[in-house]
């Protein structure tokens, strides 16, 4: 695979892995949770590390894992995060939590679990773990920034942004469970 093909495949992989990142970050932005460099790089670093490891695992042989387990765990994590957003919206709790980093860490853990299944599957296809992980890191940074920006821009509709994001995440999680 030439470098252009590897970069294109890695970019498409990263895009597919990060559509849910935008949705999740919309919820964080709607809640007003600050996104500083520490939170941004923590979330991107955690998801990328797990993605890299899952790509390596897939390259070694996904036949050792039960089929669909990682996707189901990722779906459960995203649905749980979405339910958390919905409960916060129902309780009228749109204020940023005292420890904002914990919110981004929980988000990065859910997204990392979600990327794990895709990473194993992509690793089996021969996708370069290094290239795909690098693309994932860049796409995660962009997706977090964009999602948070969209969440903040929905300020006028902020009462709807959090529950809408929660519903979308629950739907995405349920879709992965089916």
N, C-alpha and C. Protein backbone atom coordinates (compact mmCIF):
# COMPACT_ATOMS: atom_id res chain seq x y z
N UNK A 1 0.86 -1.17 0.00
CA UNK A 1 0.00 0.00 0.00
C UNK A 1 0.91 1.24 0.00
N UNK A 2 0.72 2.13 -0.98
CA UNK A 2 1.55 3.34 -1.02
C UNK A 2 1.08 4.33 0.05
N UNK A 3 1.88 5.35 0.27
CA UNK A 3 1.61 6.29 1.36
C UNK A 3 0.29 7.03 1.17
N UNK A 4 -0.05 7.39 -0.08
CA UNK A 4 -1.31 8.08 -0.34
C UNK A 4 -2.49 7.18 0.02
N UNK A 5 -2.43 5.93 -0.40
CA UNK A 5 -3.50 4.98 -0.09
C UNK A 5 -3.61 4.75 1.41
N UNK A 6 -2.47 4.65 2.08
CA UNK A 6 -2.47 4.44 3.53
C UNK A 6 -3.07 5.64 4.24
N UNK A 7 -2.71 6.86 3.80
CA UNK A 7 -3.28 8.07 4.43
C UNK A 7 -4.77 8.19 4.16
N UNK A 8 -5.20 7.85 2.95
CA UNK A 8 -6.61 7.92 2.62
C UNK A 8 -7.40 6.91 3.45
N UNK A 9 -6.90 5.68 3.52
CA UNK A 9 -7.57 4.65 4.32
C UNK A 9 -7.59 5.04 5.80
N UNK A 10 -6.48 5.57 6.31
CA UNK A 10 -6.42 6.01 7.71
C UNK A 10 -7.37 7.16 7.98
N UNK A 11 -7.47 8.08 7.03
CA UNK A 11 -8.38 9.23 7.19
C UNK A 11 -9.84 8.80 7.19
N UNK A 12 -10.20 7.89 6.29
CA UNK A 12 -11.58 7.40 6.26
C UNK A 12 -11.91 6.62 7.54
N UNK A 13 -10.96 5.83 7.99
CA UNK A 13 -11.12 5.11 9.25
C UNK A 13 -11.35 6.09 10.40
N UNK A 14 -10.52 7.14 10.47
CA UNK A 14 -10.62 8.13 11.54
C UNK A 14 -11.93 8.89 11.47
N UNK A 15 -12.38 9.20 10.28
CA UNK A 15 -13.66 9.90 10.12
C UNK A 15 -14.80 9.03 10.64
N UNK A 16 -14.79 7.77 10.27
CA UNK A 16 -15.83 6.86 10.73
C UNK A 16 -15.82 6.71 12.25
N UNK A 17 -14.63 6.69 12.83
CA UNK A 17 -14.51 6.54 14.28
C UNK A 17 -14.91 7.80 15.04
N UNK A 18 -14.92 8.94 14.39
CA UNK A 18 -15.11 10.19 15.12
C UNK A 18 -16.42 10.91 14.85
N UNK A 19 -17.33 10.33 14.09
CA UNK A 19 -18.64 10.96 13.95
C UNK A 19 -19.35 11.03 15.30
N UNK A 20 -19.22 9.98 16.09
CA UNK A 20 -19.83 9.99 17.41
C UNK A 20 -19.11 10.95 18.37
N UNK A 21 -17.85 11.22 18.10
CA UNK A 21 -17.09 12.17 18.92
C UNK A 21 -17.70 13.56 18.81
N UNK A 22 -18.09 13.94 17.60
CA UNK A 22 -18.73 15.24 17.41
C UNK A 22 -20.03 15.31 18.22
N UNK A 23 -20.85 14.26 18.12
CA UNK A 23 -22.12 14.25 18.86
C UNK A 23 -21.90 14.34 20.37
N UNK A 24 -20.96 13.57 20.86
CA UNK A 24 -20.70 13.58 22.29
C UNK A 24 -20.17 14.94 22.75
N UNK A 25 -19.31 15.56 21.94
CA UNK A 25 -18.76 16.86 22.30
C UNK A 25 -19.82 17.96 22.23
N UNK A 26 -20.84 17.78 21.38
CA UNK A 26 -21.95 18.74 21.37
C UNK A 26 -22.61 18.76 22.74
N UNK A 27 -22.81 17.59 23.31
CA UNK A 27 -23.41 17.51 24.65
C UNK A 27 -22.53 18.17 25.70
N UNK A 28 -21.23 17.95 25.62
CA UNK A 28 -20.31 18.58 26.56
C UNK A 28 -20.34 20.10 26.40
N UNK A 29 -20.36 20.56 25.15
CA UNK A 29 -20.41 22.00 24.89
C UNK A 29 -21.71 22.61 25.37
N UNK A 30 -22.82 21.91 25.17
CA UNK A 30 -24.12 22.41 25.61
C UNK A 30 -24.18 22.52 27.13
N UNK A 31 -23.46 21.65 27.80
CA UNK A 31 -23.42 21.70 29.26
C UNK A 31 -22.46 22.78 29.76
N UNK A 32 -21.70 23.37 28.84
CA UNK A 32 -20.77 24.43 29.23
C UNK A 32 -19.50 23.90 29.86
N UNK A 33 -19.19 22.65 29.63
CA UNK A 33 -17.98 22.06 30.20
C UNK A 33 -16.78 22.60 29.43
N UNK A 34 -15.85 23.21 30.12
CA UNK A 34 -14.70 23.81 29.43
C UNK A 34 -13.82 22.76 28.76
N UNK A 35 -13.26 23.16 27.63
CA UNK A 35 -12.37 22.28 26.87
C UNK A 35 -11.04 22.99 26.70
N UNK A 36 -10.14 22.73 27.63
CA UNK A 36 -8.81 23.30 27.54
C UNK A 36 -7.86 22.31 26.90
N UNK A 37 -6.62 22.71 26.72
CA UNK A 37 -5.64 21.80 26.10
C UNK A 37 -5.51 20.47 26.85
N UNK A 38 -5.58 20.50 28.17
CA UNK A 38 -5.44 19.27 28.95
C UNK A 38 -6.57 18.29 28.63
N UNK A 39 -7.81 18.79 28.61
CA UNK A 39 -8.95 17.94 28.32
C UNK A 39 -8.93 17.46 26.87
N UNK A 40 -8.59 18.36 25.98
CA UNK A 40 -8.54 18.03 24.56
C UNK A 40 -7.53 16.93 24.27
N UNK A 41 -6.32 17.11 24.79
CA UNK A 41 -5.27 16.13 24.51
C UNK A 41 -5.44 14.84 25.31
N UNK A 42 -6.08 14.92 26.48
CA UNK A 42 -6.38 13.71 27.23
C UNK A 42 -7.37 12.85 26.47
N UNK A 43 -8.46 13.47 26.03
CA UNK A 43 -9.48 12.72 25.29
C UNK A 43 -8.91 12.15 24.00
N UNK A 44 -8.19 12.96 23.25
CA UNK A 44 -7.60 12.48 21.98
C UNK A 44 -6.54 11.41 22.24
N UNK A 45 -5.74 11.59 23.27
CA UNK A 45 -4.69 10.63 23.59
C UNK A 45 -5.24 9.28 24.02
N UNK A 46 -6.27 9.29 24.89
CA UNK A 46 -6.85 8.04 25.36
C UNK A 46 -7.50 7.29 24.21
N UNK A 47 -8.31 7.98 23.41
CA UNK A 47 -8.98 7.29 22.31
C UNK A 47 -7.97 6.78 21.28
N UNK A 48 -6.93 7.55 21.03
CA UNK A 48 -5.93 7.13 20.05
C UNK A 48 -5.11 5.95 20.57
N UNK A 49 -4.76 5.96 21.84
CA UNK A 49 -4.00 4.84 22.40
C UNK A 49 -4.80 3.54 22.30
N UNK A 50 -6.07 3.60 22.68
CA UNK A 50 -6.90 2.39 22.60
C UNK A 50 -7.11 1.98 21.14
N UNK A 51 -7.28 2.97 20.27
CA UNK A 51 -7.44 2.66 18.85
C UNK A 51 -6.19 1.98 18.30
N UNK A 52 -5.02 2.51 18.65
CA UNK A 52 -3.77 1.91 18.19
C UNK A 52 -3.65 0.47 18.69
N UNK A 53 -3.91 0.27 19.98
CA UNK A 53 -3.81 -1.09 20.53
C UNK A 53 -4.80 -2.04 19.87
N UNK A 54 -6.01 -1.55 19.59
CA UNK A 54 -7.00 -2.42 18.95
C UNK A 54 -6.61 -2.74 17.50
N UNK A 55 -6.01 -1.76 16.81
CA UNK A 55 -5.51 -2.04 15.45
C UNK A 55 -4.40 -3.09 15.49
N UNK A 56 -3.52 -2.97 16.45
CA UNK A 56 -2.45 -3.96 16.60
C UNK A 56 -3.02 -5.33 16.92
N UNK A 57 -4.00 -5.34 17.81
CA UNK A 57 -4.64 -6.60 18.17
C UNK A 57 -5.31 -7.22 16.95
N UNK A 58 -5.99 -6.40 16.17
CA UNK A 58 -6.63 -6.90 14.95
C UNK A 58 -5.61 -7.43 13.97
N UNK A 59 -4.47 -6.75 13.89
CA UNK A 59 -3.42 -7.21 12.99
C UNK A 59 -2.87 -8.56 13.44
N UNK A 60 -2.83 -8.80 14.74
CA UNK A 60 -2.34 -10.08 15.26
C UNK A 60 -3.36 -11.21 15.06
N UNK A 61 -4.61 -10.83 15.00
CA UNK A 61 -5.62 -11.87 14.77
C UNK A 61 -6.83 -11.68 15.65
N UNK A 62 -7.91 -11.23 15.07
CA UNK A 62 -9.14 -10.98 15.81
C UNK A 62 -9.91 -12.25 16.11
N UNK A 63 -9.42 -13.36 15.64
CA UNK A 63 -10.14 -14.61 15.84
C UNK A 63 -10.19 -15.04 17.31
N UNK A 64 -9.36 -14.42 18.14
CA UNK A 64 -9.34 -14.78 19.56
C UNK A 64 -10.42 -14.08 20.37
N UNK A 65 -11.03 -13.02 19.81
CA UNK A 65 -12.07 -12.28 20.52
C UNK A 65 -13.45 -12.75 20.08
N UNK A 66 -14.39 -12.79 20.99
CA UNK A 66 -15.75 -13.12 20.58
C UNK A 66 -16.26 -12.07 19.59
N UNK A 67 -16.89 -12.53 18.55
CA UNK A 67 -17.37 -11.63 17.49
C UNK A 67 -18.35 -10.61 18.06
N UNK A 68 -18.09 -9.35 17.78
CA UNK A 68 -19.01 -8.27 18.14
C UNK A 68 -18.93 -7.78 19.57
N UNK A 69 -18.07 -8.36 20.40
CA UNK A 69 -18.02 -7.96 21.80
C UNK A 69 -17.60 -6.50 21.98
N UNK A 70 -16.55 -6.08 21.31
CA UNK A 70 -16.08 -4.70 21.48
C UNK A 70 -17.11 -3.70 20.98
N UNK A 71 -17.78 -3.99 19.87
CA UNK A 71 -18.81 -3.09 19.36
C UNK A 71 -19.96 -2.97 20.35
N UNK A 72 -20.33 -4.07 20.98
CA UNK A 72 -21.42 -4.05 21.94
C UNK A 72 -21.04 -3.26 23.20
N UNK A 73 -19.80 -3.43 23.66
CA UNK A 73 -19.36 -2.65 24.82
C UNK A 73 -19.33 -1.16 24.49
N UNK A 74 -18.86 -0.83 23.29
CA UNK A 74 -18.85 0.56 22.87
C UNK A 74 -20.26 1.13 22.77
N UNK A 75 -21.16 0.34 22.24
CA UNK A 75 -22.56 0.77 22.16
C UNK A 75 -23.16 1.01 23.53
N UNK A 76 -22.87 0.11 24.47
CA UNK A 76 -23.35 0.30 25.84
C UNK A 76 -22.77 1.56 26.48
N UNK A 77 -21.48 1.81 26.25
CA UNK A 77 -20.84 2.99 26.82
C UNK A 77 -21.45 4.27 26.25
N UNK A 78 -21.67 4.31 24.94
CA UNK A 78 -22.26 5.51 24.33
C UNK A 78 -23.71 5.70 24.77
N UNK A 79 -24.47 4.61 24.84
CA UNK A 79 -25.85 4.72 25.30
C UNK A 79 -25.89 5.19 26.75
N UNK A 80 -24.98 4.68 27.57
CA UNK A 80 -24.90 5.12 28.97
C UNK A 80 -24.57 6.60 29.09
N UNK A 81 -23.65 7.07 28.27
CA UNK A 81 -23.31 8.49 28.26
C UNK A 81 -24.52 9.32 27.82
N UNK A 82 -25.23 8.84 26.81
CA UNK A 82 -26.43 9.53 26.35
C UNK A 82 -27.50 9.58 27.43
N UNK A 83 -27.70 8.48 28.14
CA UNK A 83 -28.67 8.47 29.24
C UNK A 83 -28.25 9.43 30.35
N UNK A 84 -26.96 9.52 30.59
CA UNK A 84 -26.44 10.46 31.59
C UNK A 84 -26.81 11.89 31.17
N UNK A 85 -26.62 12.22 29.90
CA UNK A 85 -27.00 13.54 29.39
C UNK A 85 -28.51 13.78 29.57
N UNK A 86 -29.31 12.76 29.24
CA UNK A 86 -30.76 12.90 29.36
C UNK A 86 -31.19 13.12 30.81
N UNK A 87 -30.60 12.35 31.71
CA UNK A 87 -30.93 12.53 33.13
C UNK A 87 -30.53 13.91 33.63
N UNK A 88 -29.36 14.38 33.22
CA UNK A 88 -28.94 15.72 33.61
C UNK A 88 -29.90 16.77 33.07
N UNK A 89 -30.37 16.58 31.85
CA UNK A 89 -31.31 17.54 31.26
C UNK A 89 -32.64 17.51 31.99
N UNK A 90 -33.11 16.32 32.34
CA UNK A 90 -34.38 16.20 33.06
C UNK A 90 -34.30 16.82 34.46
N UNK A 91 -33.13 16.72 35.07
CA UNK A 91 -32.95 17.31 36.40
C UNK A 91 -32.62 18.79 36.32
N UNK A 92 -32.52 19.31 35.10
CA UNK A 92 -32.19 20.73 34.93
C UNK A 92 -30.75 21.03 35.29
N UNK A 93 -29.91 20.05 35.16
CA UNK A 93 -28.51 20.20 35.57
C UNK A 93 -27.64 20.49 34.35
N UNK A 94 -27.63 21.75 33.91
CA UNK A 94 -26.83 22.14 32.76
C UNK A 94 -25.56 22.85 33.17
N UNK A 95 -25.31 22.94 34.47
CA UNK A 95 -24.10 23.61 34.94
C UNK A 95 -22.91 22.69 34.79
N UNK A 96 -21.72 23.25 34.47
CA UNK A 96 -20.54 22.40 34.38
C UNK A 96 -20.22 21.80 35.74
N UNK A 97 -19.81 20.55 35.78
CA UNK A 97 -19.46 19.94 37.05
C UNK A 97 -18.20 20.57 37.63
N UNK A 98 -18.01 20.36 38.92
CA UNK A 98 -16.85 20.93 39.60
C UNK A 98 -15.55 20.44 38.96
N UNK A 99 -15.51 19.17 38.64
CA UNK A 99 -14.30 18.59 38.06
C UNK A 99 -14.55 18.32 36.59
N UNK A 100 -14.31 19.33 35.75
CA UNK A 100 -14.63 19.23 34.32
C UNK A 100 -13.80 18.15 33.63
N UNK A 101 -12.59 17.93 34.07
CA UNK A 101 -11.73 16.95 33.43
C UNK A 101 -12.33 15.56 33.52
N UNK A 102 -13.03 15.27 34.62
CA UNK A 102 -13.66 13.96 34.76
C UNK A 102 -14.69 13.72 33.67
N UNK A 103 -15.44 14.76 33.28
CA UNK A 103 -16.42 14.62 32.22
C UNK A 103 -15.77 14.28 30.90
N UNK A 104 -14.65 14.92 30.59
CA UNK A 104 -13.95 14.64 29.35
C UNK A 104 -13.27 13.29 29.41
N UNK A 105 -12.82 12.88 30.59
CA UNK A 105 -12.20 11.57 30.73
C UNK A 105 -13.23 10.46 30.52
N UNK A 106 -14.44 10.66 31.08
CA UNK A 106 -15.51 9.69 30.87
C UNK A 106 -15.88 9.61 29.39
N UNK A 107 -15.93 10.76 28.75
CA UNK A 107 -16.22 10.79 27.32
C UNK A 107 -15.14 10.06 26.53
N UNK A 108 -13.89 10.32 26.85
CA UNK A 108 -12.81 9.67 26.10
C UNK A 108 -12.81 8.17 26.33
N UNK A 109 -13.18 7.72 27.52
CA UNK A 109 -13.24 6.28 27.79
C UNK A 109 -14.35 5.64 26.95
N UNK A 110 -15.51 6.29 26.89
CA UNK A 110 -16.62 5.74 26.09
C UNK A 110 -16.24 5.70 24.62
N UNK A 111 -15.62 6.75 24.14
CA UNK A 111 -15.22 6.78 22.73
C UNK A 111 -14.12 5.78 22.43
N UNK A 112 -13.22 5.58 23.38
CA UNK A 112 -12.13 4.62 23.18
C UNK A 112 -12.68 3.21 23.07
N UNK A 113 -13.61 2.86 23.94
CA UNK A 113 -14.22 1.53 23.88
C UNK A 113 -14.93 1.36 22.55
N UNK A 114 -15.59 2.43 22.10
CA UNK A 114 -16.28 2.38 20.82
C UNK A 114 -15.30 2.16 19.66
N UNK A 115 -14.15 2.81 19.71
CA UNK A 115 -13.15 2.66 18.64
C UNK A 115 -12.48 1.30 18.66
N UNK A 116 -12.50 0.64 19.80
CA UNK A 116 -11.77 -0.63 19.93
C UNK A 116 -12.28 -1.68 18.95
N UNK A 117 -13.59 -1.83 18.85
CA UNK A 117 -14.14 -2.84 17.94
C UNK A 117 -13.84 -2.53 16.49
N UNK A 118 -13.99 -1.27 16.13
CA UNK A 118 -13.69 -0.86 14.76
C UNK A 118 -12.20 -1.06 14.47
N UNK A 119 -11.37 -0.75 15.47
CA UNK A 119 -9.93 -0.90 15.31
C UNK A 119 -9.52 -2.33 15.08
N UNK A 120 -10.11 -3.25 15.82
CA UNK A 120 -9.78 -4.66 15.64
C UNK A 120 -10.17 -5.10 14.24
N UNK A 121 -11.37 -4.72 13.82
CA UNK A 121 -11.84 -5.10 12.49
C UNK A 121 -10.94 -4.50 11.40
N UNK A 122 -10.57 -3.23 11.56
CA UNK A 122 -9.72 -2.57 10.57
C UNK A 122 -8.31 -3.14 10.59
N UNK A 123 -7.84 -3.54 11.77
CA UNK A 123 -6.50 -4.12 11.87
C UNK A 123 -6.38 -5.42 11.10
N UNK A 124 -7.46 -6.19 11.07
CA UNK A 124 -7.47 -7.45 10.33
C UNK A 124 -7.28 -7.19 8.84
N UNK A 125 -7.77 -6.06 8.36
CA UNK A 125 -7.69 -5.75 6.92
C UNK A 125 -6.30 -5.31 6.50
N UNK A 126 -5.41 -5.09 7.45
CA UNK A 126 -4.05 -4.68 7.10
C UNK A 126 -3.83 -3.18 7.15
N UNK A 127 -4.80 -2.44 7.68
CA UNK A 127 -4.65 -1.00 7.84
C UNK A 127 -3.49 -0.72 8.78
N UNK A 128 -2.61 0.19 8.40
CA UNK A 128 -1.44 0.50 9.21
C UNK A 128 -1.87 1.09 10.56
N UNK A 129 -1.54 0.44 11.68
CA UNK A 129 -1.90 0.98 12.98
C UNK A 129 -1.31 2.37 13.24
N UNK A 130 -0.08 2.59 12.81
CA UNK A 130 0.57 3.88 13.05
C UNK A 130 -0.10 5.00 12.26
N UNK A 131 -0.34 4.78 10.98
CA UNK A 131 -0.98 5.80 10.14
C UNK A 131 -2.41 6.04 10.59
N UNK A 132 -3.17 4.96 10.81
CA UNK A 132 -4.57 5.11 11.20
C UNK A 132 -4.70 5.78 12.57
N UNK A 133 -3.80 5.47 13.49
CA UNK A 133 -3.84 6.10 14.81
C UNK A 133 -3.48 7.58 14.72
N UNK A 134 -2.50 7.91 13.90
CA UNK A 134 -2.16 9.32 13.70
C UNK A 134 -3.32 10.10 13.11
N UNK A 135 -3.97 9.51 12.11
CA UNK A 135 -5.15 10.16 11.54
C UNK A 135 -6.26 10.27 12.57
N UNK A 136 -6.42 9.24 13.39
CA UNK A 136 -7.44 9.26 14.43
C UNK A 136 -7.18 10.38 15.44
N UNK A 137 -5.93 10.55 15.83
CA UNK A 137 -5.59 11.60 16.80
C UNK A 137 -5.98 12.97 16.25
N UNK A 138 -5.59 13.24 15.01
CA UNK A 138 -5.91 14.54 14.39
C UNK A 138 -7.42 14.71 14.24
N UNK A 139 -8.11 13.66 13.81
CA UNK A 139 -9.56 13.75 13.61
C UNK A 139 -10.29 13.89 14.94
N UNK A 140 -9.78 13.26 16.00
CA UNK A 140 -10.40 13.39 17.31
C UNK A 140 -10.27 14.82 17.82
N UNK A 141 -9.09 15.41 17.66
CA UNK A 141 -8.92 16.81 18.07
C UNK A 141 -9.91 17.70 17.34
N UNK A 142 -10.01 17.53 16.04
CA UNK A 142 -10.92 18.33 15.23
C UNK A 142 -12.37 18.09 15.62
N UNK A 143 -12.73 16.84 15.84
CA UNK A 143 -14.12 16.50 16.18
C UNK A 143 -14.52 17.03 17.54
N UNK A 144 -13.63 16.94 18.51
CA UNK A 144 -13.93 17.49 19.84
C UNK A 144 -14.12 19.00 19.78
N UNK A 145 -13.23 19.66 19.06
CA UNK A 145 -13.33 21.11 18.94
C UNK A 145 -14.62 21.50 18.23
N UNK A 146 -14.90 20.84 17.10
CA UNK A 146 -16.09 21.16 16.32
C UNK A 146 -17.37 20.87 17.11
N UNK A 147 -17.42 19.71 17.75
CA UNK A 147 -18.60 19.35 18.53
C UNK A 147 -18.85 20.30 19.68
N UNK A 148 -17.80 20.66 20.38
CA UNK A 148 -17.96 21.60 21.49
C UNK A 148 -18.40 22.96 20.97
N UNK A 149 -17.83 23.40 19.85
CA UNK A 149 -18.21 24.67 19.25
C UNK A 149 -19.69 24.66 18.86
N UNK A 150 -20.15 23.57 18.26
CA UNK A 150 -21.56 23.46 17.91
C UNK A 150 -22.45 23.48 19.15
N UNK A 151 -22.02 22.79 20.19
CA UNK A 151 -22.78 22.79 21.44
C UNK A 151 -22.87 24.17 22.06
N UNK A 152 -21.78 24.91 22.01
CA UNK A 152 -21.77 26.27 22.56
C UNK A 152 -22.61 27.22 21.70
N UNK A 153 -22.59 27.01 20.37
CA UNK A 153 -23.34 27.87 19.44
C UNK A 153 -24.84 27.67 19.60
N UNK A 154 -25.21 26.52 20.11
CA UNK A 154 -26.63 26.25 20.33
C UNK A 154 -27.12 26.90 21.62
N UNK A 155 -26.40 27.93 22.05
CA UNK A 155 -26.70 28.59 23.32
C UNK A 155 -28.17 28.97 23.41
N UNK A 156 -28.72 29.48 22.32
CA UNK A 156 -30.13 29.88 22.31
C UNK A 156 -31.02 28.67 22.55
N UNK A 157 -30.59 27.53 22.07
CA UNK A 157 -31.36 26.31 22.18
C UNK A 157 -30.74 25.35 23.19
N UNK A 158 -29.98 25.90 24.12
CA UNK A 158 -29.19 25.04 25.01
C UNK A 158 -30.06 24.08 25.82
N UNK A 159 -31.30 24.46 26.08
CA UNK A 159 -32.18 23.55 26.82
C UNK A 159 -32.48 22.30 25.99
N UNK A 160 -32.43 22.43 24.68
CA UNK A 160 -32.70 21.28 23.80
C UNK A 160 -31.44 20.55 23.38
N UNK A 161 -30.31 21.24 23.39
CA UNK A 161 -29.07 20.64 22.88
C UNK A 161 -28.64 19.44 23.71
N UNK A 162 -28.69 19.54 25.02
CA UNK A 162 -28.24 18.43 25.87
C UNK A 162 -29.14 17.20 25.71
N UNK A 163 -30.48 17.35 25.82
CA UNK A 163 -31.30 16.14 25.62
C UNK A 163 -31.23 15.60 24.19
N UNK A 164 -31.10 16.48 23.20
CA UNK A 164 -30.98 16.01 21.82
C UNK A 164 -29.69 15.22 21.63
N UNK A 165 -28.60 15.74 22.17
CA UNK A 165 -27.33 15.02 22.10
C UNK A 165 -27.45 13.68 22.83
N UNK A 166 -28.10 13.68 23.98
CA UNK A 166 -28.31 12.44 24.72
C UNK A 166 -29.11 11.42 23.93
N UNK A 167 -30.19 11.88 23.28
CA UNK A 167 -30.99 10.97 22.46
C UNK A 167 -30.19 10.42 21.30
N UNK A 168 -29.40 11.27 20.66
CA UNK A 168 -28.58 10.80 19.54
C UNK A 168 -27.55 9.77 19.99
N UNK A 169 -26.94 10.00 21.15
CA UNK A 169 -25.95 9.04 21.66
C UNK A 169 -26.62 7.72 22.06
N UNK A 170 -27.79 7.80 22.68
CA UNK A 170 -28.51 6.57 23.02
C UNK A 170 -28.86 5.81 21.74
N UNK A 171 -29.32 6.55 20.72
CA UNK A 171 -29.63 5.92 19.43
C UNK A 171 -28.42 5.29 18.78
N UNK A 172 -27.30 6.00 18.81
CA UNK A 172 -26.07 5.46 18.25
C UNK A 172 -25.63 4.21 19.02
N UNK A 173 -25.69 4.27 20.34
CA UNK A 173 -25.34 3.10 21.15
C UNK A 173 -26.25 1.93 20.88
N UNK A 174 -27.56 2.20 20.78
CA UNK A 174 -28.52 1.12 20.51
C UNK A 174 -28.27 0.53 19.13
N UNK A 175 -27.94 1.39 18.17
CA UNK A 175 -27.67 0.92 16.81
C UNK A 175 -26.50 -0.07 16.81
N UNK A 176 -25.48 0.23 17.62
CA UNK A 176 -24.32 -0.66 17.67
C UNK A 176 -24.62 -1.95 18.42
N UNK A 177 -25.61 -1.92 19.28
CA UNK A 177 -25.98 -3.13 20.02
C UNK A 177 -26.81 -4.09 19.16
N UNK A 178 -27.48 -3.55 18.16
CA UNK A 178 -28.38 -4.36 17.32
C UNK A 178 -27.60 -5.14 16.29
